[in-house]
Amino acid sequence: MQCFIVMQGQTYQEEKELGMIWSRKEGNGDNLPHSWLRVKEVKKGDRVFHYVKGNIVAISVAKTASRIAQRPSAHEQQEVLCQYVC
């Protein structure tokens, strides 16, 4: 089991309601932000600490390993289904 901190900011509420975390699979250039690449490493059972505006606001357990998905109006993304426990 590994632990991850996810800095969500504006996407926190939406992701919590959907029971997931996500990041874009590809950026606009050759370099992807390190945080986007880390989402690929999440495995089922890992713990996720949700960080928003300087505070840990929730903890979740990954229900799935990271996988590629398509958001209805966006690019391909890496996503992990999560069970928010607090």
PDB file of N, CA and C in Angstrom:
ATOM      1  N   MET A   1       0.842  -1.182   0.000  1.00  0.00           N
ATOM      2  CA  MET A   1       0.000   0.000   0.000  1.00  0.00           C
ATOM      3  C   MET A   1       0.884   1.242   0.000  1.00  0.00           C
ATOM      4  N   GLN A   2       0.523   2.192  -0.842  1.00  0.00           N
ATOM      5  CA  GLN A   2       1.205   3.471  -0.890  1.00  0.00           C
ATOM      6  C   GLN A   2       0.220   4.575  -0.510  1.00  0.00           C
ATOM      7  N   CYS A   3       0.759   5.734  -0.201  1.00  0.00           N
ATOM      8  CA  CYS A   3      -0.068   6.912   0.095  1.00  0.00           C
ATOM      9  C   CYS A   3       0.286   8.012  -0.895  1.00  0.00           C
ATOM     10  N   PHE A   4      -0.739   8.746  -1.300  1.00  0.00           N
ATOM     11  CA  PHE A   4      -0.573   9.836  -2.256  1.00  0.00           C
ATOM     12  C   PHE A   4      -1.284  11.077  -1.742  1.00  0.00           C
ATOM     13  N   ILE A   5      -0.728  12.232  -2.024  1.00  0.00           N
ATOM     14  CA  ILE A   5      -1.406  13.500  -1.757  1.00  0.00           C
ATOM     15  C   ILE A   5      -1.853  14.050  -3.105  1.00  0.00           C
ATOM     16  N   VAL A   6      -3.123  14.399  -3.202  1.00  0.00           N
ATOM     17  CA  VAL A   6      -3.670  14.938  -4.443  1.00  0.00           C
ATOM     18  C   VAL A   6      -4.086  16.373  -4.185  1.00  0.00           C
ATOM     19  N   MET A   7      -3.516  17.299  -4.916  1.00  0.00           N
ATOM     20  CA  MET A   7      -3.859  18.711  -4.784  1.00  0.00           C
ATOM     21  C   MET A   7      -4.956  19.023  -5.793  1.00  0.00           C
ATOM     22  N   GLN A   8      -6.189  19.170  -5.316  1.00  0.00           N
ATOM     23  CA  GLN A   8      -7.334  19.234  -6.210  1.00  0.00           C
ATOM     24  C   GLN A   8      -7.855  20.639  -6.467  1.00  0.00           C
ATOM     25  N   GLY A   9      -7.812  21.517  -5.512  1.00  0.00           N
ATOM     26  CA  GLY A   9      -8.294  22.876  -5.748  1.00  0.00           C
ATOM     27  C   GLY A   9      -9.733  22.912  -6.228  1.00  0.00           C
ATOM     28  N   GLN A  10      -9.942  23.465  -7.417  1.00  0.00           N
ATOM     29  CA  GLN A  10     -11.290  23.671  -7.940  1.00  0.00           C
ATOM     30  C   GLN A  10     -12.016  22.377  -8.290  1.00  0.00           C
ATOM     31  N   THR A  11     -11.301  21.279  -8.505  1.00  0.00           N
ATOM     32  CA  THR A  11     -11.961  20.035  -8.925  1.00  0.00           C
ATOM     33  C   THR A  11     -12.379  19.147  -7.753  1.00  0.00           C
ATOM     34  N   TYR A  12     -12.025  19.525  -6.527  1.00  0.00           N
ATOM     35  CA  TYR A  12     -12.275  18.648  -5.382  1.00  0.00           C
ATOM     36  C   TYR A  12     -13.745  18.237  -5.249  1.00  0.00           C
ATOM     37  N   GLN A  13     -14.658  19.174  -5.225  1.00  0.00           N
ATOM     38  CA  GLN A  13     -16.065  18.849  -4.979  1.00  0.00           C
ATOM     39  C   GLN A  13     -16.620  17.922  -6.057  1.00  0.00           C
ATOM     40  N   GLU A  14     -16.316  18.233  -7.306  1.00  0.00           N
ATOM     41  CA  GLU A  14     -16.791  17.385  -8.412  1.00  0.00           C
ATOM     42  C   GLU A  14     -16.229  15.970  -8.296  1.00  0.00           C
ATOM     43  N   GLU A  15     -14.921  15.862  -8.028  1.00  0.00           N
ATOM     44  CA  GLU A  15     -14.301  14.547  -7.923  1.00  0.00           C
ATOM     45  C   GLU A  15     -14.848  13.774  -6.728  1.00  0.00           C
ATOM     46  N   LYS A  16     -15.085  14.458  -5.624  1.00  0.00           N
ATOM     47  CA  LYS A  16     -15.653  13.779  -4.454  1.00  0.00           C
ATOM     48  C   LYS A  16     -17.047  13.244  -4.772  1.00  0.00           C
ATOM     49  N   GLU A  17     -17.873  14.060  -5.408  1.00  0.00           N
ATOM     50  CA  GLU A  17     -19.225  13.618  -5.755  1.00  0.00           C
ATOM     51  C   GLU A  17     -19.204  12.430  -6.711  1.00  0.00           C
ATOM     52  N   LEU A  18     -18.217  12.384  -7.614  1.00  0.00           N
ATOM     53  CA  LEU A  18     -18.089  11.281  -8.555  1.00  0.00           C
ATOM     54  C   LEU A  18     -17.366  10.076  -7.959  1.00  0.00           C
ATOM     55  N   GLY A  19     -16.747  10.263  -6.775  1.00  0.00           N
ATOM     56  CA  GLY A  19     -16.013   9.176  -6.134  1.00  0.00           C
ATOM     57  C   GLY A  19     -14.764   8.790  -6.908  1.00  0.00           C
ATOM     58  N   MET A  20     -13.971   9.805  -7.256  1.00  0.00           N
ATOM     59  CA  MET A  20     -12.795   9.544  -8.069  1.00  0.00           C
ATOM     60  C   MET A  20     -11.764  10.659  -7.933  1.00  0.00           C
ATOM     61  N   ILE A  21     -10.580  10.408  -8.462  1.00  0.00           N
ATOM     62  CA  ILE A  21      -9.590  11.440  -8.733  1.00  0.00           C
ATOM     63  C   ILE A  21      -9.220  11.272 -10.208  1.00  0.00           C
ATOM     64  N   TRP A  22      -8.778  12.343 -10.841  1.00  0.00           N
ATOM     65  CA  TRP A  22      -8.380  12.242 -12.236  1.00  0.00           C
ATOM     66  C   TRP A  22      -7.346  13.302 -12.563  1.00  0.00           C
ATOM     67  N   SER A  23      -6.625  13.049 -13.632  1.00  0.00           N
ATOM     68  CA  SER A  23      -5.722  14.046 -14.211  1.00  0.00           C
ATOM     69  C   SER A  23      -5.690  13.810 -15.709  1.00  0.00           C
ATOM     70  N   ARG A  24      -5.362  14.839 -16.441  1.00  0.00           N
ATOM     71  CA  ARG A  24      -5.253  14.688 -17.895  1.00  0.00           C
ATOM     72  C   ARG A  24      -4.116  13.732 -18.222  1.00  0.00           C
ATOM     73  N   LYS A  25      -4.297  12.986 -19.268  1.00  0.00           N
ATOM     74  CA  LYS A  25      -3.285  12.033 -19.703  1.00  0.00           C
ATOM     75  C   LYS A  25      -2.178  12.727 -20.468  1.00  0.00           C
ATOM     76  N   GLU A  26      -2.525  13.792 -21.188  1.00  0.00           N
ATOM     77  CA  GLU A  26      -1.554  14.509 -21.995  1.00  0.00           C
ATOM     78  C   GLU A  26      -1.680  16.004 -21.764  1.00  0.00           C
ATOM     79  N   GLY A  27      -0.546  16.680 -21.831  1.00  0.00           N
ATOM     80  CA  GLY A  27      -0.548  18.125 -21.686  1.00  0.00           C
ATOM     81  C   GLY A  27      -0.503  18.793 -23.054  1.00  0.00           C
ATOM     82  N   ASN A  28      -0.259  20.082 -23.038  1.00  0.00           N
ATOM     83  CA  ASN A  28      -0.194  20.841 -24.282  1.00  0.00           C
ATOM     84  C   ASN A  28       1.164  20.750 -24.956  1.00  0.00           C
ATOM     85  N   GLY A  29       2.166  20.344 -24.215  1.00  0.00           N
ATOM     86  CA  GLY A  29       3.513  20.227 -24.767  1.00  0.00           C
ATOM     87  C   GLY A  29       4.080  18.854 -24.478  1.00  0.00           C
ATOM     88  N   ASP A  30       5.403  18.767 -24.531  1.00  0.00           N
ATOM     89  CA  ASP A  30       6.074  17.488 -24.294  1.00  0.00           C
ATOM     90  C   ASP A  30       6.144  17.121 -22.824  1.00  0.00           C
ATOM     91  N   ASN A  31       6.143  18.110 -21.940  1.00  0.00           N
ATOM     92  CA  ASN A  31       6.325  17.851 -20.514  1.00  0.00           C
ATOM     93  C   ASN A  31       4.992  17.814 -19.784  1.00  0.00           C
ATOM     94  N   LEU A  32       4.766  16.729 -19.049  1.00  0.00           N
ATOM     95  CA  LEU A  32       3.579  16.622 -18.199  1.00  0.00           C
ATOM     96  C   LEU A  32       3.946  17.019 -16.787  1.00  0.00           C
ATOM     97  N   PRO A  33       3.050  17.692 -16.083  1.00  0.00           N
ATOM     98  CA  PRO A  33       3.329  17.977 -14.676  1.00  0.00           C
ATOM     99  C   PRO A  33       3.550  16.673 -13.896  1.00  0.00           C
ATOM    100  N   HIS A  34       4.494  16.700 -12.991  1.00  0.00           N
ATOM    101  CA  HIS A  34       4.819  15.527 -12.183  1.00  0.00           C
ATOM    102  C   HIS A  34       3.578  14.963 -11.498  1.00  0.00           C
ATOM    103  N   SER A  35       2.726  15.838 -11.010  1.00  0.00           N
ATOM    104  CA  SER A  35       1.519  15.382 -10.301  1.00  0.00           C
ATOM    105  C   SER A  35       0.599  14.573 -11.214  1.00  0.00           C
ATOM    106  N   TRP A  36       0.538  14.906 -12.485  1.00  0.00           N
ATOM    107  CA  TRP A  36      -0.297  14.139 -13.425  1.00  0.00           C
ATOM    108  C   TRP A  36       0.276  12.741 -13.608  1.00  0.00           C
ATOM    109  N   LEU A  37       1.597  12.663 -13.700  1.00  0.00           N
ATOM    110  CA  LEU A  37       2.242  11.367 -13.887  1.00  0.00           C
ATOM    111  C   LEU A  37       2.047  10.458 -12.674  1.00  0.00           C
ATOM    112  N   ARG A  38       2.014  11.028 -11.497  1.00  0.00           N
ATOM    113  CA  ARG A  38       1.866  10.228 -10.265  1.00  0.00           C
ATOM    114  C   ARG A  38       0.527   9.507 -10.194  1.00  0.00           C
ATOM    115  N   VAL A  39      -0.530  10.071 -10.786  1.00  0.00           N
ATOM    116  CA  VAL A  39      -1.841   9.415 -10.763  1.00  0.00           C
ATOM    117  C   VAL A  39      -1.753   8.038 -11.420  1.00  0.00           C
ATOM    118  N   LYS A  40      -0.861   7.880 -12.399  1.00  0.00           N
ATOM    119  CA  LYS A  40      -0.686   6.583 -13.060  1.00  0.00           C
ATOM    120  C   LYS A  40      -0.204   5.506 -12.093  1.00  0.00           C
ATOM    121  N   GLU A  41       0.425   5.903 -10.989  1.00  0.00           N
ATOM    122  CA  GLU A  41       1.019   4.957 -10.055  1.00  0.00           C
ATOM    123  C   GLU A  41       0.035   4.420  -9.016  1.00  0.00           C
ATOM    124  N   VAL A  42      -1.137   5.001  -8.903  1.00  0.00           N
ATOM    125  CA  VAL A  42      -2.091   4.594  -7.865  1.00  0.00           C
ATOM    126  C   VAL A  42      -2.639   3.201  -8.168  1.00  0.00           C
ATOM    127  N   LYS A  43      -2.637   2.350  -7.155  1.00  0.00           N
ATOM    128  CA  LYS A  43      -3.142   0.984  -7.251  1.00  0.00           C
ATOM    129  C   LYS A  43      -4.314   0.802  -6.287  1.00  0.00           C
ATOM    130  N   LYS A  44      -5.114  -0.213  -6.533  1.00  0.00           N
ATOM    131  CA  LYS A  44      -6.239  -0.539  -5.656  1.00  0.00           C
ATOM    132  C   LYS A  44      -5.727  -0.721  -4.221  1.00  0.00           C
ATOM    133  N   GLY A  45      -6.421  -0.100  -3.265  1.00  0.00           N
ATOM    134  CA  GLY A  45      -6.048  -0.194  -1.854  1.00  0.00           C
ATOM    135  C   GLY A  45      -5.146   0.917  -1.362  1.00  0.00           C
ATOM    136  N   ASP A  46      -4.554   1.694  -2.264  1.00  0.00           N
ATOM    137  CA  ASP A  46      -3.710   2.818  -1.849  1.00  0.00           C
ATOM    138  C   ASP A  46      -4.552   3.878  -1.155  1.00  0.00           C
ATOM    139  N   ARG A  47      -3.918   4.651  -0.274  1.00  0.00           N
ATOM    140  CA  ARG A  47      -4.583   5.738   0.430  1.00  0.00           C
ATOM    141  C   ARG A  47      -4.302   7.046  -0.287  1.00  0.00           C
ATOM    142  N   VAL A  48      -5.336   7.880  -0.357  1.00  0.00           N
ATOM    143  CA  VAL A  48      -5.211   9.173  -1.030  1.00  0.00           C
ATOM    144  C   VAL A  48      -5.616  10.269  -0.050  1.00  0.00           C
ATOM    145  N   PHE A  49      -4.731  11.240   0.146  1.00  0.00           N
ATOM    146  CA  PHE A  49      -5.011  12.403   0.980  1.00  0.00           C
ATOM    147  C   PHE A  49      -5.362  13.549   0.054  1.00  0.00           C
ATOM    148  N   HIS A  50      -6.525  14.148   0.243  1.00  0.00           N
ATOM    149  CA  HIS A  50      -7.034  15.198  -0.636  1.00  0.00           C
ATOM    150  C   HIS A  50      -6.716  16.563  -0.035  1.00  0.00           C
ATOM    151  N   TYR A  51      -5.910  17.332  -0.741  1.00  0.00           N
ATOM    152  CA  TYR A  51      -5.378  18.615  -0.284  1.00  0.00           C
ATOM    153  C   TYR A  51      -6.049  19.742  -1.059  1.00  0.00           C
ATOM    154  N   VAL A  52      -6.654  20.673  -0.322  1.00  0.00           N
ATOM    155  CA  VAL A  52      -7.316  21.814  -0.947  1.00  0.00           C
ATOM    156  C   VAL A  52      -7.004  23.066  -0.123  1.00  0.00           C
ATOM    157  N   LYS A  53      -6.474  24.082  -0.762  1.00  0.00           N
ATOM    158  CA  LYS A  53      -6.213  25.381  -0.134  1.00  0.00           C
ATOM    159  C   LYS A  53      -5.467  25.270   1.201  1.00  0.00           C
ATOM    160  N   GLY A  54      -4.404  24.485   1.227  1.00  0.00           N
ATOM    161  CA  GLY A  54      -3.556  24.403   2.403  1.00  0.00           C
ATOM    162  C   GLY A  54      -3.971  23.396   3.452  1.00  0.00           C
ATOM    163  N   ASN A  55      -5.025  22.623   3.210  1.00  0.00           N
ATOM    164  CA  ASN A  55      -5.511  21.665   4.199  1.00  0.00           C
ATOM    165  C   ASN A  55      -5.794  20.302   3.583  1.00  0.00           C
ATOM    166  N   ILE A  56      -5.566  19.252   4.371  1.00  0.00           N
ATOM    167  CA  ILE A  56      -6.040  17.920   4.008  1.00  0.00           C
ATOM    168  C   ILE A  56      -7.524  17.908   4.374  1.00  0.00           C
ATOM    169  N   VAL A  57      -8.393  17.767   3.371  1.00  0.00           N
ATOM    170  CA  VAL A  57      -9.835  17.866   3.614  1.00  0.00           C
ATOM    171  C   VAL A  57     -10.533  16.516   3.583  1.00  0.00           C
ATOM    172  N   ALA A  58      -9.853  15.481   3.096  1.00  0.00           N
ATOM    173  CA  ALA A  58     -10.464  14.153   3.039  1.00  0.00           C
ATOM    174  C   ALA A  58      -9.378  13.110   2.855  1.00  0.00           C
ATOM    175  N   ILE A  59      -9.751  11.879   3.162  1.00  0.00           N
ATOM    176  CA  ILE A  59      -8.903  10.715   2.917  1.00  0.00           C
ATOM    177  C   ILE A  59      -9.769   9.705   2.184  1.00  0.00           C
ATOM    178  N   SER A  60      -9.190   9.046   1.193  1.00  0.00           N
ATOM    179  CA  SER A  60      -9.941   8.013   0.488  1.00  0.00           C
ATOM    180  C   SER A  60      -9.061   6.792   0.263  1.00  0.00           C
ATOM    181  N   VAL A  61      -9.725   5.704  -0.120  1.00  0.00           N
ATOM    182  CA  VAL A  61      -9.049   4.460  -0.471  1.00  0.00           C
ATOM    183  C   VAL A  61      -9.335   4.199  -1.947  1.00  0.00           C
ATOM    184  N   ALA A  62      -8.296   3.908  -2.708  1.00  0.00           N
ATOM    185  CA  ALA A  62      -8.473   3.632  -4.134  1.00  0.00           C
ATOM    186  C   ALA A  62      -9.231   2.316  -4.311  1.00  0.00           C
ATOM    187  N   LYS A  63     -10.346   2.378  -5.038  1.00  0.00           N
ATOM    188  CA  LYS A  63     -11.145   1.186  -5.325  1.00  0.00           C
ATOM    189  C   LYS A  63     -10.665   0.492  -6.597  1.00  0.00           C
ATOM    190  N   THR A  64      -9.926   1.223  -7.423  1.00  0.00           N
ATOM    191  CA  THR A  64      -9.364   0.665  -8.656  1.00  0.00           C
ATOM    192  C   THR A  64      -7.942   1.178  -8.820  1.00  0.00           C
ATOM    193  N   ALA A  65      -7.200   0.502  -9.655  1.00  0.00           N
ATOM    194  CA  ALA A  65      -5.914   1.039 -10.087  1.00  0.00           C
ATOM    195  C   ALA A  65      -6.195   2.144 -11.097  1.00  0.00           C
ATOM    196  N   SER A  66      -5.214   2.973 -11.352  1.00  0.00           N
ATOM    197  CA  SER A  66      -5.343   4.031 -12.350  1.00  0.00           C
ATOM    198  C   SER A  66      -5.647   3.413 -13.707  1.00  0.00           C
ATOM    199  N   ARG A  67      -6.523   4.080 -14.446  1.00  0.00           N
ATOM    200  CA  ARG A  67      -6.900   3.589 -15.768  1.00  0.00           C
ATOM    201  C   ARG A  67      -7.174   4.770 -16.679  1.00  0.00           C
ATOM    202  N   ILE A  68      -7.162   4.526 -17.972  1.00  0.00           N
ATOM    203  CA  ILE A  68      -7.445   5.573 -18.946  1.00  0.00           C
ATOM    204  C   ILE A  68      -8.955   5.625 -19.172  1.00  0.00           C
ATOM    205  N   ALA A  69      -9.495   6.829 -19.180  1.00  0.00           N
ATOM    206  CA  ALA A  69     -10.924   7.036 -19.412  1.00  0.00           C
ATOM    207  C   ALA A  69     -11.097   8.291 -20.251  1.00  0.00           C
ATOM    208  N   GLN A  70     -12.283   8.482 -20.753  1.00  0.00           N
ATOM    209  CA  GLN A  70     -12.599   9.659 -21.559  1.00  0.00           C
ATOM    210  C   GLN A  70     -13.690  10.449 -20.863  1.00  0.00           C
ATOM    211  N   ARG A  71     -13.414  11.691 -20.527  1.00  0.00           N
ATOM    212  CA  ARG A  71     -14.448  12.567 -19.977  1.00  0.00           C
ATOM    213  C   ARG A  71     -15.314  13.036 -21.128  1.00  0.00           C
ATOM    214  N   PRO A  72     -16.616  13.222 -20.914  1.00  0.00           N
ATOM    215  CA  PRO A  72     -17.527  13.589 -22.010  1.00  0.00           C
ATOM    216  C   PRO A  72     -17.095  14.801 -22.823  1.00  0.00           C
ATOM    217  N   SER A  73     -16.538  15.815 -22.191  1.00  0.00           N
ATOM    218  CA  SER A  73     -16.194  17.026 -22.947  1.00  0.00           C
ATOM    219  C   SER A  73     -14.718  17.377 -22.814  1.00  0.00           C
ATOM    220  N   ALA A  74     -13.873  16.370 -22.624  1.00  0.00           N
ATOM    221  CA  ALA A  74     -12.464  16.680 -22.391  1.00  0.00           C
ATOM    222  C   ALA A  74     -11.566  15.641 -23.069  1.00  0.00           C
ATOM    223  N   HIS A  75     -10.284  15.755 -22.779  1.00  0.00           N
ATOM    224  CA  HIS A  75      -9.276  14.847 -23.306  1.00  0.00           C
ATOM    225  C   HIS A  75      -9.299  13.534 -22.536  1.00  0.00           C
ATOM    226  N   GLU A  76      -8.522  12.560 -23.044  1.00  0.00           N
ATOM    227  CA  GLU A  76      -8.328  11.338 -22.277  1.00  0.00           C
ATOM    228  C   GLU A  76      -7.718  11.693 -20.942  1.00  0.00           C
ATOM    229  N   GLN A  77      -8.020  10.898 -19.946  1.00  0.00           N
ATOM    230  CA  GLN A  77      -7.520  11.164 -18.605  1.00  0.00           C
ATOM    231  C   GLN A  77      -7.124   9.870 -17.929  1.00  0.00           C
ATOM    232  N   GLN A  78      -6.305  10.026 -16.898  1.00  0.00           N
ATOM    233  CA  GLN A  78      -6.028   8.944 -15.963  1.00  0.00           C
ATOM    234  C   GLN A  78      -7.027   9.128 -14.834  1.00  0.00           C
ATOM    235  N   GLU A  79      -7.710   8.063 -14.434  1.00  0.00           N
ATOM    236  CA  GLU A  79      -8.646   8.191 -13.328  1.00  0.00           C
ATOM    237  C   GLU A  79      -8.523   7.013 -12.388  1.00  0.00           C
ATOM    238  N   VAL A  80      -8.905   7.260 -11.142  1.00  0.00           N
ATOM    239  CA  VAL A  80      -8.925   6.239 -10.103  1.00  0.00           C
ATOM    240  C   VAL A  80     -10.245   6.395  -9.365  1.00  0.00           C
ATOM    241  N   LEU A  81     -11.010   5.329  -9.270  1.00  0.00           N
ATOM    242  CA  LEU A  81     -12.228   5.368  -8.457  1.00  0.00           C
ATOM    243  C   LEU A  81     -11.811   5.252  -7.008  1.00  0.00           C
ATOM    244  N   CYS A  82     -12.426   6.070  -6.141  1.00  0.00           N
ATOM    245  CA  CYS A  82     -12.046   6.140  -4.732  1.00  0.00           C
ATOM    246  C   CYS A  82     -13.268   6.062  -3.831  1.00  0.00           C
ATOM    247  N   GLN A  83     -13.047   5.511  -2.649  1.00  0.00           N
ATOM    248  CA  GLN A  83     -14.074   5.561  -1.613  1.00  0.00           C
ATOM    249  C   GLN A  83     -13.599   6.583  -0.587  1.00  0.00           C
ATOM    250  N   TYR A  84     -14.281   7.716  -0.535  1.00  0.00           N
ATOM    251  CA  TYR A  84     -13.925   8.756   0.425  1.00  0.00           C
ATOM    252  C   TYR A  84     -14.407   8.296   1.798  1.00  0.00           C
ATOM    253  N   VAL A  85     -13.483   8.205   2.769  1.00  0.00           N
ATOM    254  CA  VAL A  85     -13.838   7.687   4.088  1.00  0.00           C
ATOM    255  C   VAL A  85     -13.913   8.769   5.159  1.00  0.00           C
ATOM    256  N   CYS A  86     -13.321   9.887   4.940  1.00  0.00           N
ATOM    257  CA  CYS A  86     -13.464  11.013   5.885  1.00  0.00           C
ATOM    258  C   CYS A  86     -13.029  12.303   5.236  1.00  0.00           C
TER     259      CYS A  86
END
